[in-house]
Amino acid sequence: MPRWSNCRIEVRPADGDSPFRDDDCDVTLDEGRLIVSYFDDEGPLVFEAPEPETGPFELVCRSRPRRATLALSDDRARLHGRWRERDLEGEWTIFLDPPQGP
């Protein structure tokens, strides 16, 4: 189960508002599921998605009506994708540290 703790996350709204940045994002890939969790100014966010056969992960947020995609970069150092919540949307990037655990 690869796990990346204390990853840097950047969430950029498409409307040009200031991006949200944090250095305490956790990413876990366990039994074919990707789980991403972090806290923003409104509280916790936990996203989950099954591992796709091809293409990006399609995540659903447990705590908000937010959906997102993430794809692993070629150098395997970051996840990048898009997000949407109601009439808001944008991009997000998670910078992965070396994985922890088995």
C-alpha atoms as a PDB file:
ATOM      1  CA  MET A   1       0.000   0.000   0.000  1.00  0.00           C
ATOM      2  CA  PRO A   2       1.913   3.082  -1.155  1.00  0.00           C
ATOM      3  CA  ARG A   3       1.239   6.107   1.015  1.00  0.00           C
ATOM      4  CA  TRP A   4       2.510   9.640   0.589  1.00  0.00           C
ATOM      5  CA  SER A   5       2.222  11.925   3.633  1.00  0.00           C
ATOM      6  CA  ASN A   6       2.766  15.655   4.006  1.00  0.00           C
ATOM      7  CA  CYS A   7       2.531  16.268   0.268  1.00  0.00           C
ATOM      8  CA  ARG A   8       2.257  19.792  -1.070  1.00  0.00           C
ATOM      9  CA  ILE A   9      -1.094  20.526  -2.709  1.00  0.00           C
ATOM     10  CA  GLU A  10      -2.081  23.486  -4.878  1.00  0.00           C
ATOM     11  CA  VAL A  11      -5.747  24.085  -5.745  1.00  0.00           C
ATOM     12  CA  ARG A  12      -6.203  26.793  -8.367  1.00  0.00           C
ATOM     13  CA  PRO A  13      -9.653  28.224  -9.166  1.00  0.00           C
ATOM     14  CA  ALA A  14     -10.259  28.953 -12.845  1.00  0.00           C
ATOM     15  CA  ASP A  15     -11.717  32.379 -12.002  1.00  0.00           C
ATOM     16  CA  GLY A  16      -8.292  33.752 -11.055  1.00  0.00           C
ATOM     17  CA  ASP A  17      -8.838  33.791  -7.275  1.00  0.00           C
ATOM     18  CA  SER A  18      -5.777  33.082  -5.151  1.00  0.00           C
ATOM     19  CA  PRO A  19      -4.787  29.415  -5.117  1.00  0.00           C
ATOM     20  CA  PHE A  20      -5.039  27.327  -1.967  1.00  0.00           C
ATOM     21  CA  ARG A  21      -1.700  25.785  -0.932  1.00  0.00           C
ATOM     22  CA  ASP A  22      -0.902  23.376   1.891  1.00  0.00           C
ATOM     23  CA  ASP A  23       1.895  20.979   2.832  1.00  0.00           C
ATOM     24  CA  ASP A  24      -0.227  18.416   4.670  1.00  0.00           C
ATOM     25  CA  CYS A  25      -2.007  16.388   1.985  1.00  0.00           C
ATOM     26  CA  ASP A  26      -2.091  12.584   2.307  1.00  0.00           C
ATOM     27  CA  VAL A  27      -2.359  10.230  -0.669  1.00  0.00           C
ATOM     28  CA  THR A  28      -2.939   6.472  -0.354  1.00  0.00           C
ATOM     29  CA  LEU A  29      -3.217   3.837  -3.070  1.00  0.00           C
ATOM     30  CA  ASP A  30      -4.763   0.773  -1.420  1.00  0.00           C
ATOM     31  CA  GLU A  31      -6.441  -2.286  -2.947  1.00  0.00           C
ATOM     32  CA  GLY A  32      -7.095  -0.528  -6.238  1.00  0.00           C
ATOM     33  CA  ARG A  33      -8.431   2.701  -4.695  1.00  0.00           C
ATOM     34  CA  LEU A  34      -6.881   6.162  -4.556  1.00  0.00           C
ATOM     35  CA  ILE A  35      -7.660   8.209  -1.435  1.00  0.00           C
ATOM     36  CA  VAL A  36      -6.636  11.877  -1.147  1.00  0.00           C
ATOM     37  CA  SER A  37      -7.220  13.874   2.040  1.00  0.00           C
ATOM     38  CA  TYR A  38      -6.398  17.390   3.206  1.00  0.00           C
ATOM     39  CA  PHE A  39      -7.901  20.326   5.110  1.00  0.00           C
ATOM     40  CA  ASP A  40      -8.735  23.698   3.608  1.00  0.00           C
ATOM     41  CA  ASP A  41     -10.317  26.821   5.114  1.00  0.00           C
ATOM     42  CA  GLU A  42     -13.743  25.136   5.160  1.00  0.00           C
ATOM     43  CA  GLY A  43     -12.653  21.858   6.787  1.00  0.00           C
ATOM     44  CA  PRO A  44     -11.622  18.358   5.720  1.00  0.00           C
ATOM     45  CA  LEU A  45     -11.795  17.004   2.191  1.00  0.00           C
ATOM     46  CA  VAL A  46     -11.528  13.296   1.431  1.00  0.00           C
ATOM     47  CA  PHE A  47     -11.587  12.151  -2.184  1.00  0.00           C
ATOM     48  CA  GLU A  48     -11.814   8.551  -3.326  1.00  0.00           C
ATOM     49  CA  ALA A  49     -11.680   6.776  -6.687  1.00  0.00           C
ATOM     50  CA  PRO A  50     -11.200   3.263  -8.021  1.00  0.00           C
ATOM     51  CA  GLU A  51      -8.006   2.735  -9.977  1.00  0.00           C
ATOM     52  CA  PRO A  52      -8.937   3.041 -13.667  1.00  0.00           C
ATOM     53  CA  GLU A  53      -7.802   0.586 -16.309  1.00  0.00           C
ATOM     54  CA  THR A  54      -6.707   3.561 -18.412  1.00  0.00           C
ATOM     55  CA  GLY A  55      -6.883   7.320 -18.092  1.00  0.00           C
ATOM     56  CA  PRO A  56      -7.076   9.543 -15.040  1.00  0.00           C
ATOM     57  CA  PHE A  57      -8.594   8.756 -11.659  1.00  0.00           C
ATOM     58  CA  GLU A  58     -12.162  10.103 -11.372  1.00  0.00           C
ATOM     59  CA  LEU A  59     -12.576  11.108  -7.743  1.00  0.00           C
ATOM     60  CA  VAL A  60     -15.642  11.922  -5.649  1.00  0.00           C
ATOM     61  CA  CYS A  61     -15.353  14.005  -2.487  1.00  0.00           C
ATOM     62  CA  ARG A  62     -17.038  12.470   0.565  1.00  0.00           C
ATOM     63  CA  SER A  63     -17.614  15.756   2.413  1.00  0.00           C
ATOM     64  CA  ARG A  64     -18.653  18.149  -0.379  1.00  0.00           C
ATOM     65  CA  PRO A  65     -20.338  18.052  -3.780  1.00  0.00           C
ATOM     66  CA  ARG A  66     -16.944  18.135  -5.499  1.00  0.00           C
ATOM     67  CA  ARG A  67     -15.698  15.861  -8.266  1.00  0.00           C
ATOM     68  CA  ALA A  68     -12.188  15.782  -9.623  1.00  0.00           C
ATOM     69  CA  THR A  69      -9.722  14.012 -11.863  1.00  0.00           C
ATOM     70  CA  LEU A  70      -6.074  13.206 -11.212  1.00  0.00           C
ATOM     71  CA  ALA A  71      -3.417  11.653 -13.429  1.00  0.00           C
ATOM     72  CA  LEU A  72       0.101  10.629 -12.463  1.00  0.00           C
ATOM     73  CA  SER A  73       2.852  12.576 -14.218  1.00  0.00           C
ATOM     74  CA  ASP A  74       5.371  10.742 -16.395  1.00  0.00           C
ATOM     75  CA  ASP A  75       8.097  11.275 -13.787  1.00  0.00           C
ATOM     76  CA  ARG A  76       5.729   9.912 -11.055  1.00  0.00           C
ATOM     77  CA  ALA A  77       6.493  12.963  -8.896  1.00  0.00           C
ATOM     78  CA  ARG A  78       3.042  14.564  -8.959  1.00  0.00           C
ATOM     79  CA  LEU A  79      -0.658  14.114  -9.598  1.00  0.00           C
ATOM     80  CA  HIS A  80      -2.438  16.743 -11.682  1.00  0.00           C
ATOM     81  CA  GLY A  81      -6.045  17.208 -12.732  1.00  0.00           C
ATOM     82  CA  ARG A  82      -9.208  19.269 -12.678  1.00  0.00           C
ATOM     83  CA  TRP A  83     -11.937  19.766 -10.083  1.00  0.00           C
ATOM     84  CA  ARG A  84     -15.527  21.040 -10.082  1.00  0.00           C
ATOM     85  CA  GLU A  85     -17.880  22.003  -7.240  1.00  0.00           C
ATOM     86  CA  ARG A  86     -21.259  23.474  -8.174  1.00  0.00           C
ATOM     87  CA  ASP A  87     -20.413  26.454 -10.419  1.00  0.00           C
ATOM     88  CA  LEU A  88     -16.730  26.577  -9.391  1.00  0.00           C
ATOM     89  CA  GLU A  89     -13.929  24.749 -11.172  1.00  0.00           C
ATOM     90  CA  GLY A  90     -10.189  24.744 -11.589  1.00  0.00           C
ATOM     91  CA  GLU A  91      -7.018  22.676 -11.527  1.00  0.00           C
ATOM     92  CA  TRP A  92      -5.116  21.000  -8.738  1.00  0.00           C
ATOM     93  CA  THR A  93      -1.675  19.471  -8.331  1.00  0.00           C
ATOM     94  CA  ILE A  94      -0.286  17.221  -5.610  1.00  0.00           C
ATOM     95  CA  PHE A  95       3.502  16.971  -5.343  1.00  0.00           C
ATOM     96  CA  LEU A  96       4.396  13.485  -4.106  1.00  0.00           C
ATOM     97  CA  ASP A  97       7.232  12.783  -1.701  1.00  0.00           C
ATOM     98  CA  PRO A  98       8.796   9.311  -1.694  1.00  0.00           C
ATOM     99  CA  PRO A  99       6.100   6.823  -0.571  1.00  0.00           C
ATOM    100  CA  GLN A 100       5.994   5.462   2.972  1.00  0.00           C
ATOM    101  CA  GLY A 101       5.058   1.946   4.017  1.00  0.00           C
ATOM    102  CA  PRO A 102       5.231  -1.363   2.139  1.00  0.00           C
END
